[in-house]
Amino acid sequence: MAEIARLATDSKLSNQEILFFVKEVDQGTREKVCLEIDQKVKESHLPISEAFSLIRNDFNQTATNYNMDQAVLFWIYMEWLNKHVVKVQINN
């Protein structure tokens, strides 16, 4: 996942650095940043695979606002999104 996050965001961090920083982000921050990114994706009316290129500036700004590398934010959001998709499918 770290390599995918790095390639998607052009991050310069190593796989090990990405993993280290992902583990350092507390649950409250994770929820906040993911909700912000999710709102931007929803506003685009596109799936994340298509929306990412459109919201990239907002994505990078969110990472900067929370003092994290874009690859770390990407990892956290993908993890969050996966959990929410599973919950929605289970609840339907």
C-alpha atoms as a PDB file:
ATOM      1  CA  MET A   1       0.000   0.000   0.000  1.00  0.00           C
ATOM      2  CA  ALA A   2       2.869   2.395   0.763  1.00  0.00           C
ATOM      3  CA  GLU A   3       4.197   2.130  -2.767  1.00  0.00           C
ATOM      4  CA  ILE A   4       0.755   2.791  -4.242  1.00  0.00           C
ATOM      5  CA  ALA A   5       0.331   5.807  -1.952  1.00  0.00           C
ATOM      6  CA  ARG A   6       3.750   7.143  -2.916  1.00  0.00           C
ATOM      7  CA  LEU A   7       3.148   6.677  -6.644  1.00  0.00           C
ATOM      8  CA  ALA A   8      -0.333   8.230  -6.505  1.00  0.00           C
ATOM      9  CA  THR A   9       0.925  11.303  -4.669  1.00  0.00           C
ATOM     10  CA  ASP A  10       4.501  11.639  -5.957  1.00  0.00           C
ATOM     11  CA  SER A  11       5.723  11.422  -2.376  1.00  0.00           C
ATOM     12  CA  LYS A  12       9.446  11.227  -1.690  1.00  0.00           C
ATOM     13  CA  LEU A  13       9.021   9.193   1.502  1.00  0.00           C
ATOM     14  CA  SER A  14      10.196   5.587   1.640  1.00  0.00           C
ATOM     15  CA  ASN A  15       7.759   2.744   2.304  1.00  0.00           C
ATOM     16  CA  GLN A  16       9.062   2.522   5.852  1.00  0.00           C
ATOM     17  CA  GLU A  17       8.626   6.260   6.449  1.00  0.00           C
ATOM     18  CA  ILE A  18       5.065   6.187   5.127  1.00  0.00           C
ATOM     19  CA  LEU A  19       4.190   3.263   7.381  1.00  0.00           C
ATOM     20  CA  PHE A  20       5.812   4.960  10.375  1.00  0.00           C
ATOM     21  CA  PHE A  21       3.916   8.219   9.847  1.00  0.00           C
ATOM     22  CA  VAL A  22       0.606   6.434   9.194  1.00  0.00           C
ATOM     23  CA  LYS A  23       0.916   4.742  12.584  1.00  0.00           C
ATOM     24  CA  GLU A  24       1.587   8.113  14.240  1.00  0.00           C
ATOM     25  CA  VAL A  25      -1.716   9.727  13.168  1.00  0.00           C
ATOM     26  CA  ASP A  26      -4.272   9.570  15.982  1.00  0.00           C
ATOM     27  CA  GLN A  27      -7.840   8.405  15.431  1.00  0.00           C
ATOM     28  CA  GLY A  28      -9.390  11.858  15.841  1.00  0.00           C
ATOM     29  CA  THR A  29      -7.154  13.364  13.169  1.00  0.00           C
ATOM     30  CA  ARG A  30      -7.784  10.404  10.874  1.00  0.00           C
ATOM     31  CA  GLU A  31     -11.530  10.917  11.097  1.00  0.00           C
ATOM     32  CA  LYS A  32     -11.265  14.673  10.530  1.00  0.00           C
ATOM     33  CA  VAL A  33      -9.006  14.500   7.470  1.00  0.00           C
ATOM     34  CA  CYS A  34     -10.937  11.638   5.934  1.00  0.00           C
ATOM     35  CA  LEU A  35     -14.247  13.438   6.292  1.00  0.00           C
ATOM     36  CA  GLU A  36     -12.714  16.507   4.629  1.00  0.00           C
ATOM     37  CA  ILE A  37     -11.364  14.494   1.713  1.00  0.00           C
ATOM     38  CA  ASP A  38     -14.555  12.478   1.411  1.00  0.00           C
ATOM     39  CA  GLN A  39     -16.577  15.686   1.151  1.00  0.00           C
ATOM     40  CA  LYS A  40     -14.367  16.864  -1.730  1.00  0.00           C
ATOM     41  CA  VAL A  41     -14.760  13.518  -3.492  1.00  0.00           C
ATOM     42  CA  LYS A  42     -18.538  13.618  -3.056  1.00  0.00           C
ATOM     43  CA  GLU A  43     -18.663  17.178  -4.418  1.00  0.00           C
ATOM     44  CA  SER A  44     -16.979  15.930  -7.597  1.00  0.00           C
ATOM     45  CA  HIS A  45     -19.740  13.329  -8.114  1.00  0.00           C
ATOM     46  CA  LEU A  46     -17.077  10.870  -9.255  1.00  0.00           C
ATOM     47  CA  PRO A  47     -15.499   7.779  -7.758  1.00  0.00           C
ATOM     48  CA  ILE A  48     -12.178   8.393  -6.015  1.00  0.00           C
ATOM     49  CA  SER A  49     -10.278   6.830  -8.912  1.00  0.00           C
ATOM     50  CA  GLU A  50     -11.522   9.628 -11.161  1.00  0.00           C
ATOM     51  CA  ALA A  51     -11.968  12.378  -8.584  1.00  0.00           C
ATOM     52  CA  PHE A  52      -8.406  12.266  -7.268  1.00  0.00           C
ATOM     53  CA  SER A  53      -6.932  14.181 -10.196  1.00  0.00           C
ATOM     54  CA  LEU A  54      -9.634  16.851  -9.819  1.00  0.00           C
ATOM     55  CA  ILE A  55      -9.252  17.284  -6.061  1.00  0.00           C
ATOM     56  CA  ARG A  56      -5.471  16.882  -5.940  1.00  0.00           C
ATOM     57  CA  ASN A  57      -4.842  20.509  -4.946  1.00  0.00           C
ATOM     58  CA  ASP A  58      -7.410  20.255  -2.141  1.00  0.00           C
ATOM     59  CA  PHE A  59      -5.930  16.907  -1.151  1.00  0.00           C
ATOM     60  CA  ASN A  60      -2.416  18.366  -0.977  1.00  0.00           C
ATOM     61  CA  GLN A  61      -3.665  21.386   0.962  1.00  0.00           C
ATOM     62  CA  THR A  62      -5.424  19.135   3.469  1.00  0.00           C
ATOM     63  CA  ALA A  63      -2.200  17.163   3.951  1.00  0.00           C
ATOM     64  CA  THR A  64      -0.320  20.428   4.511  1.00  0.00           C
ATOM     65  CA  ASN A  65      -2.968  21.698   6.954  1.00  0.00           C
ATOM     66  CA  TYR A  66      -2.535  18.562   9.049  1.00  0.00           C
ATOM     67  CA  ASN A  67       1.251  18.552   8.699  1.00  0.00           C
ATOM     68  CA  MET A  68       1.419  15.202   6.930  1.00  0.00           C
ATOM     69  CA  ASP A  69       2.820  13.886   3.703  1.00  0.00           C
ATOM     70  CA  GLN A  70       0.324  13.351   0.901  1.00  0.00           C
ATOM     71  CA  ALA A  71       1.130   9.612   0.782  1.00  0.00           C
ATOM     72  CA  VAL A  72       0.257   9.306   4.457  1.00  0.00           C
ATOM     73  CA  LEU A  73      -3.065  11.051   3.857  1.00  0.00           C
ATOM     74  CA  PHE A  74      -3.714   8.859   0.822  1.00  0.00           C
ATOM     75  CA  TRP A  75      -3.091   5.693   2.867  1.00  0.00           C
ATOM     76  CA  ILE A  76      -5.294   6.899   5.718  1.00  0.00           C
ATOM     77  CA  TYR A  77      -8.120   7.883   3.393  1.00  0.00           C
ATOM     78  CA  MET A  78      -8.019   4.604   1.452  1.00  0.00           C
ATOM     79  CA  GLU A  79      -8.100   2.680   4.734  1.00  0.00           C
ATOM     80  CA  TRP A  80     -11.004   4.832   6.009  1.00  0.00           C
ATOM     81  CA  LEU A  81     -12.875   4.510   2.722  1.00  0.00           C
ATOM     82  CA  ASN A  82     -12.507   0.741   2.764  1.00  0.00           C
ATOM     83  CA  LYS A  83     -13.996   0.557   6.269  1.00  0.00           C
ATOM     84  CA  HIS A  84     -16.903   2.812   5.330  1.00  0.00           C
ATOM     85  CA  VAL A  85     -17.712   0.924   2.137  1.00  0.00           C
ATOM     86  CA  VAL A  86     -17.797  -2.327   4.094  1.00  0.00           C
ATOM     87  CA  LYS A  87     -20.103  -0.792   6.732  1.00  0.00           C
ATOM     88  CA  VAL A  88     -22.481   0.544   4.085  1.00  0.00           C
ATOM     89  CA  GLN A  89     -22.639  -2.830   2.339  1.00  0.00           C
ATOM     90  CA  ILE A  90     -23.283  -4.645   5.626  1.00  0.00           C
ATOM     91  CA  ASN A  91     -26.015  -2.210   6.656  1.00  0.00           C
ATOM     92  CA  ASN A  92     -27.894  -2.431   3.341  1.00  0.00           C
END
